[in-house]
Protein backbone atom coordinates (compact mmCIF):
# COMPACT_ATOMS: atom_id res chain seq x y z
CA MET A 1 134.74 290.47 32.52
CA SER A 2 135.94 293.91 30.96
CA SER A 3 138.94 295.61 31.77
CA ALA A 4 137.06 298.53 32.50
CA LEU A 5 134.81 296.80 35.11
CA LEU A 6 137.97 295.01 36.79
CA ASN A 7 139.61 298.48 36.82
CA LEU A 8 136.63 299.72 38.57
CA LEU A 9 136.46 296.99 41.07
CA HIS A 10 140.47 297.59 41.87
CA LEU A 11 139.83 301.50 42.03
CA THR A 12 136.93 301.26 44.24
CA ASP A 13 138.02 298.59 46.97
CA PRO A 14 138.10 299.40 50.52
CA THR A 15 140.89 297.61 51.15
CA LEU A 16 143.03 299.70 48.80
CA PRO A 17 145.92 300.35 51.04
CA ILE A 18 145.51 304.27 50.88
CA GLY A 19 144.60 304.72 54.31
CA GLY A 20 141.10 305.19 54.23
CA PHE A 21 140.28 303.21 57.30
CA ALA A 22 142.09 305.77 59.28
CA HIS A 23 139.54 308.74 58.68
CA SER A 24 135.97 309.06 59.79
CA ALA A 25 135.16 312.31 58.15
CA GLY A 26 133.70 313.72 61.75
CA LEU A 27 131.40 310.75 62.58
CA GLU A 28 133.73 310.09 65.58
CA THR A 29 132.63 313.37 67.01
CA TYR A 30 128.94 312.35 66.37
CA VAL A 31 129.32 309.32 68.20
CA GLN A 32 131.07 310.74 71.24
CA GLN A 33 128.80 313.40 71.40
CA GLY A 34 125.73 310.75 71.23
CA LEU A 35 124.05 312.03 68.09
CA VAL A 36 124.81 309.03 66.05
CA LYS A 37 124.01 305.88 68.32
CA ASP A 38 122.09 303.35 66.46
CA SER A 39 121.40 301.95 62.79
CA VAL A 40 118.62 304.59 62.65
CA THR A 41 121.04 307.69 63.27
CA ALA A 42 123.85 305.82 61.53
CA LYS A 43 121.81 305.56 57.99
CA LEU A 44 120.86 308.80 58.21
CA PHE A 45 124.28 310.14 58.88
CA VAL A 46 125.59 308.35 55.84
CA GLU A 47 122.34 309.62 53.61
CA GLN A 48 123.45 312.94 54.69
CA MET A 49 126.81 312.82 54.00
CA LEU A 50 126.35 311.47 50.62
CA SER A 51 123.54 313.54 49.37
CA GLN A 52 124.40 316.91 51.14
CA ASN A 53 128.00 316.89 51.44
CA LEU A 54 129.68 314.56 48.81
CA CYS A 55 127.25 315.39 45.81
CA TYR A 56 128.15 319.04 46.34
CA THR A 57 131.81 319.00 47.01
CA ASP A 58 134.17 315.75 46.15
CA ALA A 59 131.65 314.27 43.67
CA ALA A 60 131.03 317.30 41.97
CA PHE A 61 134.81 317.90 41.53
CA LEU A 62 135.41 314.12 40.60
CA SER A 63 132.87 314.78 37.86
CA LEU A 64 134.28 318.16 36.34
CA ALA A 65 137.87 316.60 36.66
CA PHE A 66 136.95 313.52 34.85
CA ASP A 67 135.44 315.91 31.97
CA ALA A 68 138.74 317.91 32.04
CA ALA A 69 140.89 314.61 31.77
CA LYS A 70 138.96 313.70 28.72
CA LYS A 71 139.61 317.17 27.10
CA ASN A 72 143.02 316.80 28.25
CA ASP A 73 142.50 320.11 29.87
CA PHE A 74 145.16 320.02 32.44
CA LYS A 75 144.61 324.13 33.44
CA LYS A 76 141.11 323.08 34.77
CA ILE A 77 142.36 320.30 36.63
CA LEU A 78 144.68 322.74 38.62
CA LEU A 79 142.04 325.15 38.76
CA LEU A 80 139.55 322.41 40.31
CA ASP A 81 142.42 321.29 42.81
CA ASP A 82 142.64 324.77 43.96
CA GLU A 83 138.89 325.32 44.33
CA CYS A 84 138.62 321.94 46.20
CA SER A 85 141.07 323.05 48.93
CA ALA A 86 139.08 326.15 49.42
CA VAL A 87 135.75 324.28 50.25
CA LYS A 88 137.43 322.02 52.62
CA LEU A 89 137.26 324.01 55.76
CA PRO A 90 138.69 321.55 58.34
CA ALA A 91 142.27 321.09 58.24
CA GLU A 92 141.87 317.39 58.94
CA ILE A 93 139.70 316.99 56.17
CA ARG A 94 142.04 318.77 53.64
CA ASN A 95 144.84 316.46 55.01
CA ALA A 96 142.79 313.36 54.58
CA SER A 97 141.82 314.18 50.89
CA ASN A 98 145.79 314.91 50.18
CA LYS A 99 147.03 311.85 51.74
CA LEU A 100 144.39 309.72 50.34
CA GLY A 101 144.96 311.38 46.75
CA MET A 102 148.78 310.82 46.86
CA ARG A 103 148.64 307.13 47.81
CA LEU A 104 146.07 306.48 45.01
CA ILE A 105 148.40 308.19 42.58
CA LYS A 106 151.25 306.27 43.62
CA ILE A 107 149.40 302.94 43.33
CA PHE A 108 148.03 303.71 39.95
CA MET A 109 150.79 305.78 38.44
CA PRO A 110 152.62 302.48 36.87
CA LEU A 111 149.19 301.24 35.34
CA THR A 112 147.77 304.51 34.01
CA LYS A 113 150.24 306.05 31.21
CA LYS A 114 148.46 309.08 30.75
CA TYR A 115 149.66 312.56 30.70
CA PHE A 116 147.45 313.95 32.82
CA LEU A 117 148.27 311.94 35.77
CA ASP A 118 151.82 312.33 35.49
CA SER A 119 151.38 315.74 35.06
CA TYR A 120 149.09 316.09 38.39
CA ALA A 121 151.94 314.19 40.28
CA ASP A 122 154.25 316.54 39.09
CA ALA A 123 152.22 319.65 40.01
CA ILE A 124 151.90 318.12 43.60
CA ARG A 125 155.74 317.43 43.95
CA SER A 126 156.10 321.09 42.57
CA ARG A 127 153.65 322.52 45.13
CA LYS A 128 151.42 323.93 42.35
CA ALA A 129 148.59 321.44 43.28
CA ILE A 130 147.44 320.05 46.87
CA GLY A 131 146.31 316.51 45.32
CA HIS A 132 143.04 315.71 46.19
CA TYR A 133 141.44 312.22 46.44
CA CYS A 134 138.42 313.10 44.50
CA ILE A 135 140.59 314.42 41.66
CA ALA A 136 143.37 311.67 41.58
CA PHE A 137 140.16 309.11 41.62
CA ALA A 138 138.84 310.73 38.50
CA LEU A 139 142.09 310.83 36.44
CA CYS A 140 142.64 306.88 37.33
CA ALA A 141 139.48 306.42 36.40
CA ALA A 142 139.39 308.44 33.04
CA ALA A 143 142.72 306.80 32.34
CA SER A 144 141.55 303.25 33.02
CA LYS A 145 138.41 303.71 30.48
CA ILE A 146 135.93 303.45 33.11
CA SER A 147 132.55 305.08 32.31
CA LYS A 148 131.73 308.53 34.15
CA LYS A 149 128.80 307.22 35.49
CA ASN A 150 130.01 304.12 36.97
CA ALA A 151 132.89 305.95 38.10
CA LEU A 152 130.75 307.89 40.20
CA CYS A 153 128.63 305.19 41.28
CA GLY A 154 132.06 303.50 42.68
CA PHE A 155 132.94 306.86 44.47
CA TYR A 156 129.71 306.88 46.08
CA TYR A 157 129.67 303.54 47.26
CA ASN A 158 133.22 303.49 48.42
CA ALA A 159 132.38 306.52 50.62
CA ALA A 160 129.28 304.71 52.03
CA VAL A 161 131.35 301.55 52.90
CA GLY A 162 133.64 303.72 54.67
CA TYR A 163 131.18 305.49 56.90
CA VAL A 164 129.04 302.33 57.42
CA THR A 165 132.54 300.60 58.59
CA ASN A 166 133.33 303.09 61.01
CA ALA A 167 129.70 303.64 62.15
CA VAL A 168 129.93 299.60 63.10
CA LYS A 169 132.97 299.95 64.63
CA LEU A 170 132.58 303.42 66.80
CA ILE A 171 128.68 302.94 68.09
CA PRO A 172 128.84 299.41 67.73
CA LEU A 173 126.68 297.95 65.24
CA SER A 174 126.46 294.20 64.12
CA GLN A 175 127.73 293.58 60.95
CA GLN A 176 124.17 292.77 59.74
CA ASN A 177 123.09 296.24 60.50
CA GLY A 178 125.72 297.76 58.47
CA GLN A 179 124.79 295.56 55.77
CA GLU A 180 121.27 296.41 55.63
CA ILE A 181 122.28 300.11 55.82
CA LEU A 182 124.50 299.32 52.58
CA PHE A 183 121.37 297.79 50.98
CA SER A 184 119.19 300.58 51.55
CA LEU A 185 121.56 303.08 50.03
CA HIS A 186 121.71 301.37 46.59
CA LYS A 187 118.80 303.77 45.09
CA LEU A 188 120.07 307.00 46.88
CA ILE A 189 123.88 306.23 45.35
CA ASP A 190 122.54 305.44 41.64
CA ASP A 191 120.38 308.58 42.00
CA LEU A 192 123.16 310.84 43.16
CA ALA A 193 125.63 309.51 40.47
CA GLY A 194 123.13 310.39 37.88
CA ARG A 195 122.79 314.19 39.50
CA SER A 196 126.53 314.26 39.51
CA LEU A 197 127.15 313.76 35.67
CA LYS A 198 126.53 317.44 35.10
CA PRO A 199 127.24 319.24 38.63
CA ASP A 200 126.15 323.25 38.53
CA GLU A 201 129.33 324.55 39.23
CA SER A 202 127.69 327.61 41.21
CA LEU A 203 126.54 325.08 43.89
CA ILE A 204 129.79 323.73 44.63
CA GLY A 205 130.50 324.07 48.29
CA LEU A 206 126.89 323.92 49.35
CA CYS A 207 126.92 321.56 52.14
CA CYS A 208 125.85 321.24 55.38
CA THR A 209 128.12 323.20 57.98
CA GLY A 210 127.38 320.94 60.85
CA PHE A 211 129.75 318.59 59.09
CA ASP A 212 132.56 320.76 59.12
CA ILE A 213 132.07 321.77 62.97
CA LYS A 214 132.11 318.26 63.67
CA SER A 215 135.45 317.74 61.77
CA MET A 216 136.85 320.74 63.79
CA GLN A 217 135.76 319.83 67.02
CA HIS A 218 137.47 316.25 66.13
CA GLU A 219 140.82 317.90 66.39
CA ARG A 220 139.99 318.66 69.79
CA LEU A 221 138.31 315.34 71.46
CA TYR A 222 140.04 314.01 74.28
CA SER A 223 140.29 311.03 72.84
CA ARG A 224 140.35 309.69 69.12
CA LEU A 225 140.60 306.46 67.24
CA TYR A 226 140.68 308.08 63.86
CA MET A 227 142.64 310.78 62.16
CA SER A 228 139.88 312.80 60.62
């Protein structure tokens, strides 16, 4: 088993202690409003989040940051960090991205001795960067010698697992229902990873506004299990 594969498994492990379990990305709002209520609507939510949101936001930033890391272009990384903040309109989503990114960097910092990860952490501490999860993920993947396509597949899969796990708890669904949804997403994830290899920078931020609205409404729900 190659070290790159082990690094990918480590980086995308859903149990990695970065706090991902505490965030639903607005799913909690959809469930409370009765819009996501069964396996069919849960699958649709996950598919749309992956293909109409992450594809034009976090996955695109991951891809571009990965390229910048390989080229040692730290200025580009800072520009991507700034743009990533700009396209995350709900405050909860920006804060979640920052918290997950900071914790990921803290875990992988001792294991990845590449200057761009160190520099990114320094920029965050000096408030020259926010520190987003997708960019931190890209830097960790590049430093861990994970291929870009595998990093993107892992990123999409990790996101899908998080959404499905939350759907199982919130709706609720059976664990078998959750696994069936994940099996059905394999081809979509592979296709999206291929599309994200060379993202069109002019399309960044082209995502469904409904997700942003539900995330903003989440801030004012009467009762909440999740932070976002």
